[in-house]
Amino acid sequence: VGSDRAFQDMPTRGWRGRLLRRLIGS
């Protein structure tokens, strides 16, 4: 159950998550 692809879809993030990623350039 571990060989299928992962991280294919963009995760839904709240405004805090989006802001933090902007601040650290991620």
mmCIF file of all heavy atoms, coordinates in Angstrom:
data_MODEL
# 
_entry.id   MODEL 
# 
loop_
_atom_site.group_PDB 
_atom_site.id 
_atom_site.type_symbol 
_atom_site.label_atom_id 
_atom_site.label_alt_id 
_atom_site.label_comp_id 
_atom_site.label_asym_id 
_atom_site.label_entity_id 
_atom_site.label_seq_id 
_atom_site.pdbx_PDB_ins_code 
_atom_site.Cartn_x 
_atom_site.Cartn_y 
_atom_site.Cartn_z 
_atom_site.occupancy 
_atom_site.B_iso_or_equiv 
_atom_site.pdbx_formal_charge 
_atom_site.auth_seq_id 
_atom_site.auth_comp_id 
_atom_site.auth_asym_id 
_atom_site.auth_atom_id 
_atom_site.pdbx_PDB_model_num 
ATOM 1   N N   . VAL A 1 1  ? 0.827  -1.208 0.000   1.00 0.00 ? 1  VAL A N   1 
ATOM 2   C CA  . VAL A 1 1  ? 0.000  0.000  0.000   1.00 0.00 ? 1  VAL A CA  1 
ATOM 3   C C   . VAL A 1 1  ? 0.861  1.257  0.000   1.00 0.00 ? 1  VAL A C   1 
ATOM 4   O O   . VAL A 1 1  ? 0.359  2.354  0.210   1.00 0.00 ? 1  VAL A O   1 
ATOM 5   C CB  . VAL A 1 1  ? -0.952 0.019  1.216   1.00 0.00 ? 1  VAL A CB  1 
ATOM 6   C CG1 . VAL A 1 1  ? -1.950 -1.121 1.140   1.00 0.00 ? 1  VAL A CG1 1 
ATOM 7   C CG2 . VAL A 1 1  ? -0.159 -0.034 2.527   1.00 0.00 ? 1  VAL A CG2 1 
ATOM 8   N N   . GLY A 1 2  ? 2.169  1.099  -0.248  1.00 0.00 ? 2  GLY A N   1 
ATOM 9   C CA  . GLY A 1 2  ? 3.061  2.245  -0.170  1.00 0.00 ? 2  GLY A CA  1 
ATOM 10  C C   . GLY A 1 2  ? 3.676  2.702  -1.468  1.00 0.00 ? 2  GLY A C   1 
ATOM 11  O O   . GLY A 1 2  ? 4.433  3.673  -1.488  1.00 0.00 ? 2  GLY A O   1 
ATOM 12  N N   . SER A 1 3  ? 3.370  2.019  -2.571  1.00 0.00 ? 3  SER A N   1 
ATOM 13  C CA  . SER A 1 3  ? 4.082  2.343  -3.805  1.00 0.00 ? 3  SER A CA  1 
ATOM 14  C C   . SER A 1 3  ? 3.330  3.286  -4.730  1.00 0.00 ? 3  SER A C   1 
ATOM 15  O O   . SER A 1 3  ? 3.905  3.795  -5.688  1.00 0.00 ? 3  SER A O   1 
ATOM 16  C CB  . SER A 1 3  ? 4.423  1.054  -4.570  1.00 0.00 ? 3  SER A CB  1 
ATOM 17  O OG  . SER A 1 3  ? 3.251  0.335  -4.880  1.00 0.00 ? 3  SER A OG  1 
ATOM 18  N N   . ASP A 1 4  ? 2.027  3.516  -4.476  1.00 0.00 ? 4  ASP A N   1 
ATOM 19  C CA  . ASP A 1 4  ? 1.301  4.470  -5.322  1.00 0.00 ? 4  ASP A CA  1 
ATOM 20  C C   . ASP A 1 4  ? 1.832  5.883  -5.121  1.00 0.00 ? 4  ASP A C   1 
ATOM 21  O O   . ASP A 1 4  ? 2.327  6.234  -4.044  1.00 0.00 ? 4  ASP A O   1 
ATOM 22  C CB  . ASP A 1 4  ? -0.199 4.429  -4.996  1.00 0.00 ? 4  ASP A CB  1 
ATOM 23  C CG  . ASP A 1 4  ? -0.962 3.560  -5.984  1.00 0.00 ? 4  ASP A CG  1 
ATOM 24  O OD1 . ASP A 1 4  ? -0.386 3.230  -7.034  1.00 0.00 ? 4  ASP A OD1 1 
ATOM 25  O OD2 . ASP A 1 4  ? -2.118 3.218  -5.696  1.00 0.00 ? 4  ASP A OD2 1 
ATOM 26  N N   . ARG A 1 5  ? 1.668  6.697  -6.132  1.00 0.00 ? 5  ARG A N   1 
ATOM 27  C CA  . ARG A 1 5  ? 2.176  8.063  -6.084  1.00 0.00 ? 5  ARG A CA  1 
ATOM 28  C C   . ARG A 1 5  ? 1.469  8.878  -4.995  1.00 0.00 ? 5  ARG A C   1 
ATOM 29  O O   . ARG A 1 5  ? 0.300  8.660  -4.687  1.00 0.00 ? 5  ARG A O   1 
ATOM 30  C CB  . ARG A 1 5  ? 1.985  8.759  -7.434  1.00 0.00 ? 5  ARG A CB  1 
ATOM 31  C CG  . ARG A 1 5  ? 2.765  8.110  -8.565  1.00 0.00 ? 5  ARG A CG  1 
ATOM 32  C CD  . ARG A 1 5  ? 2.501  8.806  -9.870  1.00 0.00 ? 5  ARG A CD  1 
ATOM 33  N NE  . ARG A 1 5  ? 2.946  10.203 -9.825  1.00 0.00 ? 5  ARG A NE  1 
ATOM 34  C CZ  . ARG A 1 5  ? 2.735  11.070 -10.813 1.00 0.00 ? 5  ARG A CZ  1 
ATOM 35  N NH1 . ARG A 1 5  ? 2.072  10.702 -11.891 1.00 0.00 ? 5  ARG A NH1 1 
ATOM 36  N NH2 . ARG A 1 5  ? 3.183  12.313 -10.709 1.00 0.00 ? 5  ARG A NH2 1 
ATOM 37  N N   . ALA A 1 6  ? 2.213  9.823  -4.434  1.00 0.00 ? 6  ALA A N   1 
ATOM 38  C CA  . ALA A 1 6  ? 1.662  10.718 -3.420  1.00 0.00 ? 6  ALA A CA  1 
ATOM 39  C C   . ALA A 1 6  ? 1.950  12.163 -3.813  1.00 0.00 ? 6  ALA A C   1 
ATOM 40  O O   . ALA A 1 6  ? 2.680  12.428 -4.779  1.00 0.00 ? 6  ALA A O   1 
ATOM 41  C CB  . ALA A 1 6  ? 2.279  10.418 -2.052  1.00 0.00 ? 6  ALA A CB  1 
ATOM 42  N N   . PHE A 1 7  ? 1.353  13.106 -3.069  1.00 0.00 ? 7  PHE A N   1 
ATOM 43  C CA  . PHE A 1 7  ? 1.572  14.539 -3.288  1.00 0.00 ? 7  PHE A CA  1 
ATOM 44  C C   . PHE A 1 7  ? 1.179  14.979 -4.694  1.00 0.00 ? 7  PHE A C   1 
ATOM 45  O O   . PHE A 1 7  ? 1.821  15.834 -5.293  1.00 0.00 ? 7  PHE A O   1 
ATOM 46  C CB  . PHE A 1 7  ? 3.040  14.923 -3.030  1.00 0.00 ? 7  PHE A CB  1 
ATOM 47  C CG  . PHE A 1 7  ? 3.569  14.497 -1.701  1.00 0.00 ? 7  PHE A CG  1 
ATOM 48  C CD1 . PHE A 1 7  ? 4.808  13.887 -1.586  1.00 0.00 ? 7  PHE A CD1 1 
ATOM 49  C CD2 . PHE A 1 7  ? 2.826  14.685 -0.549  1.00 0.00 ? 7  PHE A CD2 1 
ATOM 50  C CE1 . PHE A 1 7  ? 5.309  13.490 -0.366  1.00 0.00 ? 7  PHE A CE1 1 
ATOM 51  C CE2 . PHE A 1 7  ? 3.310  14.284 0.694   1.00 0.00 ? 7  PHE A CE2 1 
ATOM 52  C CZ  . PHE A 1 7  ? 4.551  13.685 0.781   1.00 0.00 ? 7  PHE A CZ  1 
ATOM 53  N N   . GLN A 1 8  ? 0.148  14.346 -5.245  1.00 0.00 ? 8  GLN A N   1 
ATOM 54  C CA  . GLN A 1 8  ? -0.268 14.722 -6.600  1.00 0.00 ? 8  GLN A CA  1 
ATOM 55  C C   . GLN A 1 8  ? -1.176 15.950 -6.600  1.00 0.00 ? 8  GLN A C   1 
ATOM 56  O O   . GLN A 1 8  ? -1.198 16.696 -7.573  1.00 0.00 ? 8  GLN A O   1 
ATOM 57  C CB  . GLN A 1 8  ? -1.015 13.552 -7.266  1.00 0.00 ? 8  GLN A CB  1 
ATOM 58  C CG  . GLN A 1 8  ? -0.147 12.327 -7.461  1.00 0.00 ? 8  GLN A CG  1 
ATOM 59  C CD  . GLN A 1 8  ? -0.895 11.248 -8.220  1.00 0.00 ? 8  GLN A CD  1 
ATOM 60  O OE1 . GLN A 1 8  ? -0.845 11.189 -9.444  1.00 0.00 ? 8  GLN A OE1 1 
ATOM 61  N NE2 . GLN A 1 8  ? -1.603 10.404 -7.498  1.00 0.00 ? 8  GLN A NE2 1 
ATOM 62  N N   . ASP A 1 9  ? -1.919 16.148 -5.530  1.00 0.00 ? 9  ASP A N   1 
ATOM 63  C CA  . ASP A 1 9  ? -2.869 17.262 -5.464  1.00 0.00 ? 9  ASP A CA  1 
ATOM 64  C C   . ASP A 1 9  ? -2.348 18.349 -4.532  1.00 0.00 ? 9  ASP A C   1 
ATOM 65  O O   . ASP A 1 9  ? -1.725 18.070 -3.503  1.00 0.00 ? 9  ASP A O   1 
ATOM 66  C CB  . ASP A 1 9  ? -4.240 16.767 -4.968  1.00 0.00 ? 9  ASP A CB  1 
ATOM 67  C CG  . ASP A 1 9  ? -4.824 15.711 -5.876  1.00 0.00 ? 9  ASP A CG  1 
ATOM 68  O OD1 . ASP A 1 9  ? -4.668 15.838 -7.101  1.00 0.00 ? 9  ASP A OD1 1 
ATOM 69  O OD2 . ASP A 1 9  ? -5.428 14.749 -5.341  1.00 0.00 ? 9  ASP A OD2 1 
ATOM 70  N N   . MET A 1 10 ? -2.635 19.606 -4.920  1.00 0.00 ? 10 MET A N   1 
ATOM 71  C CA  . MET A 1 10 ? -2.273 20.738 -4.081  1.00 0.00 ? 10 MET A CA  1 
ATOM 72  C C   . MET A 1 10 ? -3.095 20.702 -2.794  1.00 0.00 ? 10 MET A C   1 
ATOM 73  O O   . MET A 1 10 ? -4.317 20.668 -2.840  1.00 0.00 ? 10 MET A O   1 
ATOM 74  C CB  . MET A 1 10 ? -2.559 22.046 -4.822  1.00 0.00 ? 10 MET A CB  1 
ATOM 75  C CG  . MET A 1 10 ? -2.369 23.289 -3.970  1.00 0.00 ? 10 MET A CG  1 
ATOM 76  S SD  . MET A 1 10 ? -0.705 23.943 -4.046  1.00 0.00 ? 10 MET A SD  1 
ATOM 77  C CE  . MET A 1 10 ? -0.617 24.476 -5.756  1.00 0.00 ? 10 MET A CE  1 
ATOM 78  N N   . PRO A 1 11 ? -2.436 20.680 -1.615  1.00 0.00 ? 11 PRO A N   1 
ATOM 79  C CA  . PRO A 1 11 ? -3.202 20.658 -0.374  1.00 0.00 ? 11 PRO A CA  1 
ATOM 80  C C   . PRO A 1 11 ? -3.924 21.976 -0.143  1.00 0.00 ? 11 PRO A C   1 
ATOM 81  O O   . PRO A 1 11 ? -3.448 23.041 -0.550  1.00 0.00 ? 11 PRO A O   1 
ATOM 82  C CB  . PRO A 1 11 ? -2.129 20.417 0.689   1.00 0.00 ? 11 PRO A CB  1 
ATOM 83  C CG  . PRO A 1 11 ? -0.860 20.933 0.083   1.00 0.00 ? 11 PRO A CG  1 
ATOM 84  C CD  . PRO A 1 11 ? -0.981 20.684 -1.393  1.00 0.00 ? 11 PRO A CD  1 
ATOM 85  N N   . THR A 1 12 ? -5.072 21.890 0.494   1.00 0.00 ? 12 THR A N   1 
ATOM 86  C CA  . THR A 1 12 ? -5.831 23.089 0.835   1.00 0.00 ? 12 THR A CA  1 
ATOM 87  C C   . THR A 1 12 ? -5.228 23.717 2.087   1.00 0.00 ? 12 THR A C   1 
ATOM 88  O O   . THR A 1 12 ? -5.089 23.052 3.111   1.00 0.00 ? 12 THR A O   1 
ATOM 89  C CB  . THR A 1 12 ? -7.306 22.736 1.085   1.00 0.00 ? 12 THR A CB  1 
ATOM 90  O OG1 . THR A 1 12 ? -7.837 22.122 -0.091  1.00 0.00 ? 12 THR A OG1 1 
ATOM 91  C CG2 . THR A 1 12 ? -8.114 23.981 1.416   1.00 0.00 ? 12 THR A CG2 1 
ATOM 92  N N   . ARG A 1 13 ? -4.857 24.998 2.006   1.00 0.00 ? 13 ARG A N   1 
ATOM 93  C CA  . ARG A 1 13 ? -4.198 25.643 3.127   1.00 0.00 ? 13 ARG A CA  1 
ATOM 94  C C   . ARG A 1 13 ? -4.987 26.879 3.558   1.00 0.00 ? 13 ARG A C   1 
ATOM 95  O O   . ARG A 1 13 ? -5.563 27.591 2.743   1.00 0.00 ? 13 ARG A O   1 
ATOM 96  C CB  . ARG A 1 13 ? -2.766 26.057 2.768   1.00 0.00 ? 13 ARG A CB  1 
ATOM 97  C CG  . ARG A 1 13 ? -1.916 24.899 2.242   1.00 0.00 ? 13 ARG A CG  1 
ATOM 98  C CD  . ARG A 1 13 ? -0.448 25.263 2.236   1.00 0.00 ? 13 ARG A CD  1 
ATOM 99  N NE  . ARG A 1 13 ? 0.357  24.238 1.595   1.00 0.00 ? 13 ARG A NE  1 
ATOM 100 C CZ  . ARG A 1 13 ? 0.719  23.095 2.154   1.00 0.00 ? 13 ARG A CZ  1 
ATOM 101 N NH1 . ARG A 1 13 ? 0.331  22.844 3.405   1.00 0.00 ? 13 ARG A NH1 1 
ATOM 102 N NH2 . ARG A 1 13 ? 1.436  22.218 1.502   1.00 0.00 ? 13 ARG A NH2 1 
ATOM 103 N N   . GLY A 1 14 ? -4.973 27.139 4.855   1.00 0.00 ? 14 GLY A N   1 
ATOM 104 C CA  . GLY A 1 14 ? -5.596 28.345 5.383   1.00 0.00 ? 14 GLY A CA  1 
ATOM 105 C C   . GLY A 1 14 ? -4.713 29.553 5.152   1.00 0.00 ? 14 GLY A C   1 
ATOM 106 O O   . GLY A 1 14 ? -3.571 29.457 4.674   1.00 0.00 ? 14 GLY A O   1 
ATOM 107 N N   . TRP A 1 15 ? -5.209 30.708 5.532   1.00 0.00 ? 15 TRP A N   1 
ATOM 108 C CA  . TRP A 1 15 ? -4.456 31.935 5.269   1.00 0.00 ? 15 TRP A CA  1 
ATOM 109 C C   . TRP A 1 15 ? -3.158 31.972 6.061   1.00 0.00 ? 15 TRP A C   1 
ATOM 110 O O   . TRP A 1 15 ? -2.139 32.506 5.582   1.00 0.00 ? 15 TRP A O   1 
ATOM 111 C CB  . TRP A 1 15 ? -5.317 33.164 5.571   1.00 0.00 ? 15 TRP A CB  1 
ATOM 112 C CG  . TRP A 1 15 ? -5.671 33.344 7.034   1.00 0.00 ? 15 TRP A CG  1 
ATOM 113 C CD1 . TRP A 1 15 ? -6.754 32.883 7.688   1.00 0.00 ? 15 TRP A CD1 1 
ATOM 114 C CD2 . TRP A 1 15 ? -4.876 34.051 8.005   1.00 0.00 ? 15 TRP A CD2 1 
ATOM 115 N NE1 . TRP A 1 15 ? -6.735 33.237 9.002   1.00 0.00 ? 15 TRP A NE1 1 
ATOM 116 C CE2 . TRP A 1 15 ? -5.575 33.978 9.241   1.00 0.00 ? 15 TRP A CE2 1 
ATOM 117 C CE3 . TRP A 1 15 ? -3.665 34.746 7.953   1.00 0.00 ? 15 TRP A CE3 1 
ATOM 118 C CZ2 . TRP A 1 15 ? -5.093 34.553 10.391  1.00 0.00 ? 15 TRP A CZ2 1 
ATOM 119 C CZ3 . TRP A 1 15 ? -3.196 35.327 9.119   1.00 0.00 ? 15 TRP A CZ3 1 
ATOM 120 C CH2 . TRP A 1 15 ? -3.891 35.236 10.321  1.00 0.00 ? 15 TRP A CH2 1 
ATOM 121 N N   . ARG A 1 16 ? -3.137 31.364 7.263   1.00 0.00 ? 16 ARG A N   1 
ATOM 122 C CA  . ARG A 1 16 ? -1.905 31.358 8.044   1.00 0.00 ? 16 ARG A CA  1 
ATOM 123 C C   . ARG A 1 16 ? -0.827 30.535 7.336   1.00 0.00 ? 16 ARG A C   1 
ATOM 124 O O   . ARG A 1 16 ? 0.349  30.924 7.286   1.00 0.00 ? 16 ARG A O   1 
ATOM 125 C CB  . ARG A 1 16 ? -2.155 30.779 9.443   1.00 0.00 ? 16 ARG A CB  1 
ATOM 126 C CG  . ARG A 1 16 ? -2.973 31.680 10.355  1.00 0.00 ? 16 ARG A CG  1 
ATOM 127 C CD  . ARG A 1 16 ? -3.006 31.104 11.761  1.00 0.00 ? 16 ARG A CD  1 
ATOM 128 N NE  . ARG A 1 16 ? -3.775 31.932 12.663  1.00 0.00 ? 16 ARG A NE  1 
ATOM 129 C CZ  . ARG A 1 16 ? -5.086 31.831 12.832  1.00 0.00 ? 16 ARG A CZ  1 
ATOM 130 N NH1 . ARG A 1 16 ? -5.778 30.912 12.149  1.00 0.00 ? 16 ARG A NH1 1 
ATOM 131 N NH2 . ARG A 1 16 ? -5.732 32.634 13.687  1.00 0.00 ? 16 ARG A NH2 1 
ATOM 132 N N   . GLY A 1 17 ? -1.250 29.368 6.783   1.00 0.00 ? 17 GLY A N   1 
ATOM 133 C CA  . GLY A 1 17 ? -0.299 28.533 6.069   1.00 0.00 ? 17 GLY A CA  1 
ATOM 134 C C   . GLY A 1 17 ? 0.246  29.208 4.831   1.00 0.00 ? 17 GLY A C   1 
ATOM 135 O O   . GLY A 1 17 ? 1.445  29.138 4.535   1.00 0.00 ? 17 GLY A O   1 
ATOM 136 N N   . ARG A 1 18 ? -0.636 29.886 4.088   1.00 0.00 ? 18 ARG A N   1 
ATOM 137 C CA  . ARG A 1 18 ? -0.179 30.584 2.881   1.00 0.00 ? 18 ARG A CA  1 
ATOM 138 C C   . ARG A 1 18 ? 0.769  31.718 3.229   1.00 0.00 ? 18 ARG A C   1 
ATOM 139 O O   . ARG A 1 18 ? 1.793  31.928 2.570   1.00 0.00 ? 18 ARG A O   1 
ATOM 140 C CB  . ARG A 1 18 ? -1.386 31.105 2.094   1.00 0.00 ? 18 ARG A CB  1 
ATOM 141 C CG  . ARG A 1 18 ? -2.290 29.991 1.548   1.00 0.00 ? 18 ARG A CG  1 
ATOM 142 C CD  . ARG A 1 18 ? -3.259 30.531 0.505   1.00 0.00 ? 18 ARG A CD  1 
ATOM 143 N NE  . ARG A 1 18 ? -4.116 31.585 1.050   1.00 0.00 ? 18 ARG A NE  1 
ATOM 144 C CZ  . ARG A 1 18 ? -5.281 31.347 1.640   1.00 0.00 ? 18 ARG A CZ  1 
ATOM 145 N NH1 . ARG A 1 18 ? -5.718 30.089 1.787   1.00 0.00 ? 18 ARG A NH1 1 
ATOM 146 N NH2 . ARG A 1 18 ? -6.020 32.336 2.091   1.00 0.00 ? 18 ARG A NH2 1 
ATOM 147 N N   . LEU A 1 19 ? 0.428  32.473 4.323   1.00 0.00 ? 19 LEU A N   1 
ATOM 148 C CA  . LEU A 1 19 ? 1.273  33.586 4.734   1.00 0.00 ? 19 LEU A CA  1 
ATOM 149 C C   . LEU A 1 19 ? 2.645  33.091 5.187   1.00 0.00 ? 19 LEU A C   1 
ATOM 150 O O   . LEU A 1 19 ? 3.685  33.685 4.822   1.00 0.00 ? 19 LEU A O   1 
ATOM 151 C CB  . LEU A 1 19 ? 0.589  34.358 5.867   1.00 0.00 ? 19 LEU A CB  1 
ATOM 152 C CG  . LEU A 1 19 ? 1.390  35.530 6.468   1.00 0.00 ? 19 LEU A CG  1 
ATOM 153 C CD1 . LEU A 1 19 ? 1.676  36.570 5.376   1.00 0.00 ? 19 LEU A CD1 1 
ATOM 154 C CD2 . LEU A 1 19 ? 0.631  36.157 7.633   1.00 0.00 ? 19 LEU A CD2 1 
ATOM 155 N N   . LEU A 1 20 ? 2.673  32.017 5.971   1.00 0.00 ? 20 LEU A N   1 
ATOM 156 C CA  . LEU A 1 20 ? 3.948  31.502 6.451   1.00 0.00 ? 20 LEU A CA  1 
ATOM 157 C C   . LEU A 1 20 ? 4.847  31.088 5.285   1.00 0.00 ? 20 LEU A C   1 
ATOM 158 O O   . LEU A 1 20 ? 6.057  31.364 5.293   1.00 0.00 ? 20 LEU A O   1 
ATOM 159 C CB  . LEU A 1 20 ? 3.687  30.305 7.375   1.00 0.00 ? 20 LEU A CB  1 
ATOM 160 C CG  . LEU A 1 20 ? 4.931  29.607 7.936   1.00 0.00 ? 20 LEU A CG  1 
ATOM 161 C CD1 . LEU A 1 20 ? 5.766  30.577 8.764   1.00 0.00 ? 20 LEU A CD1 1 
ATOM 162 C CD2 . LEU A 1 20 ? 4.540  28.393 8.777   1.00 0.00 ? 20 LEU A CD2 1 
ATOM 163 N N   . ARG A 1 21 ? 4.276  30.433 4.286   1.00 0.00 ? 21 ARG A N   1 
ATOM 164 C CA  . ARG A 1 21 ? 5.084  30.008 3.147   1.00 0.00 ? 21 ARG A CA  1 
ATOM 165 C C   . ARG A 1 21 ? 5.617  31.200 2.346   1.00 0.00 ? 21 ARG A C   1 
ATOM 166 O O   . ARG A 1 21 ? 6.714  31.147 1.800   1.00 0.00 ? 21 ARG A O   1 
ATOM 167 C CB  . ARG A 1 21 ? 4.263  29.052 2.265   1.00 0.00 ? 21 ARG A CB  1 
ATOM 168 C CG  . ARG A 1 21 ? 4.290  27.625 2.810   1.00 0.00 ? 21 ARG A CG  1 
ATOM 169 C CD  . ARG A 1 21 ? 3.248  26.728 2.204   1.00 0.00 ? 21 ARG A CD  1 
ATOM 170 N NE  . ARG A 1 21 ? 3.466  25.345 2.642   1.00 0.00 ? 21 ARG A NE  1 
ATOM 171 C CZ  . ARG A 1 21 ? 3.197  24.889 3.866   1.00 0.00 ? 21 ARG A CZ  1 
ATOM 172 N NH1 . ARG A 1 21 ? 2.700  25.713 4.771   1.00 0.00 ? 21 ARG A NH1 1 
ATOM 173 N NH2 . ARG A 1 21 ? 3.436  23.635 4.177   1.00 0.00 ? 21 ARG A NH2 1 
ATOM 174 N N   . ARG A 1 22 ? 4.821  32.254 2.273   1.00 0.00 ? 22 ARG A N   1 
ATOM 175 C CA  . ARG A 1 22 ? 5.324  33.459 1.597   1.00 0.00 ? 22 ARG A CA  1 
ATOM 176 C C   . ARG A 1 22 ? 6.506  34.042 2.369   1.00 0.00 ? 22 ARG A C   1 
ATOM 177 O O   . ARG A 1 22 ? 7.507  34.462 1.779   1.00 0.00 ? 22 ARG A O   1 
ATOM 178 C CB  . ARG A 1 22 ? 4.203  34.495 1.486   1.00 0.00 ? 22 ARG A CB  1 
ATOM 179 C CG  . ARG A 1 22 ? 3.138  34.168 0.459   1.00 0.00 ? 22 ARG A CG  1 
ATOM 180 C CD  . ARG A 1 22 ? 2.340  35.414 0.073   1.00 0.00 ? 22 ARG A CD  1 
ATOM 181 N NE  . ARG A 1 22 ? 1.143  35.072 -0.667  1.00 0.00 ? 22 ARG A NE  1 
ATOM 182 C CZ  . ARG A 1 22 ? -0.068 34.971 -0.137  1.00 0.00 ? 22 ARG A CZ  1 
ATOM 183 N NH1 . ARG A 1 22 ? -0.242 35.229 1.162   1.00 0.00 ? 22 ARG A NH1 1 
ATOM 184 N NH2 . ARG A 1 22 ? -1.107 34.665 -0.880  1.00 0.00 ? 22 ARG A NH2 1 
ATOM 185 N N   . LEU A 1 23 ? 6.381  34.080 3.682   1.00 0.00 ? 23 LEU A N   1 
ATOM 186 C CA  . LEU A 1 23 ? 7.429  34.676 4.501   1.00 0.00 ? 23 LEU A CA  1 
ATOM 187 C C   . LEU A 1 23 ? 8.748  33.920 4.380   1.00 0.00 ? 23 LEU A C   1 
ATOM 188 O O   . LEU A 1 23 ? 9.833  34.523 4.392   1.00 0.00 ? 23 LEU A O   1 
ATOM 189 C CB  . LEU A 1 23 ? 6.985  34.721 5.965   1.00 0.00 ? 23 LEU A CB  1 
ATOM 190 C CG  . LEU A 1 23 ? 5.871  35.724 6.298   1.00 0.00 ? 23 LEU A CG  1 
ATOM 191 C CD1 . LEU A 1 23 ? 5.430  35.584 7.753   1.00 0.00 ? 23 LEU A CD1 1 
ATOM 192 C CD2 . LEU A 1 23 ? 6.349  37.160 6.025   1.00 0.00 ? 23 LEU A CD2 1 
ATOM 193 N N   . ILE A 1 24 ? 8.686  32.576 4.300   1.00 0.00 ? 24 ILE A N   1 
ATOM 194 C CA  . ILE A 1 24 ? 9.921  31.788 4.229   1.00 0.00 ? 24 ILE A CA  1 
ATOM 195 C C   . ILE A 1 24 ? 10.306 31.451 2.797   1.00 0.00 ? 24 ILE A C   1 
ATOM 196 O O   . ILE A 1 24 ? 11.310 30.762 2.561   1.00 0.00 ? 24 ILE A O   1 
ATOM 197 C CB  . ILE A 1 24 ? 9.791  30.495 5.054   1.00 0.00 ? 24 ILE A CB  1 
ATOM 198 C CG1 . ILE A 1 24 ? 8.718  29.569 4.464   1.00 0.00 ? 24 ILE A CG1 1 
ATOM 199 C CG2 . ILE A 1 24 ? 9.513  30.796 6.504   1.00 0.00 ? 24 ILE A CG2 1 
ATOM 200 C CD1 . ILE A 1 24 ? 8.627  28.218 5.160   1.00 0.00 ? 24 ILE A CD1 1 
ATOM 201 N N   . GLY A 1 25 ? 9.503  31.927 1.830   1.00 0.00 ? 25 GLY A N   1 
ATOM 202 C CA  . GLY A 1 25 ? 9.831  31.692 0.430   1.00 0.00 ? 25 GLY A CA  1 
ATOM 203 C C   . GLY A 1 25 ? 9.637  30.272 -0.027  1.00 0.00 ? 25 GLY A C   1 
ATOM 204 O O   . GLY A 1 25 ? 10.331 29.802 -0.929  1.00 0.00 ? 25 GLY A O   1 
ATOM 205 N N   . SER A 1 26 ? 8.682  29.573 0.594   1.00 0.00 ? 26 SER A N   1 
ATOM 206 C CA  . SER A 1 26 ? 8.430  28.176 0.230   1.00 0.00 ? 26 SER A CA  1 
ATOM 207 C C   . SER A 1 26 ? 7.253  28.100 -0.736  1.00 0.00 ? 26 SER A C   1 
ATOM 208 O O   . SER A 1 26 ? 6.252  28.799 -0.546  1.00 0.00 ? 26 SER A O   1 
ATOM 209 C CB  . SER A 1 26 ? 8.119  27.356 1.483   1.00 0.00 ? 26 SER A CB  1 
ATOM 210 O OG  . SER A 1 26 ? 7.742  26.041 1.150   1.00 0.00 ? 26 SER A OG  1 
# 
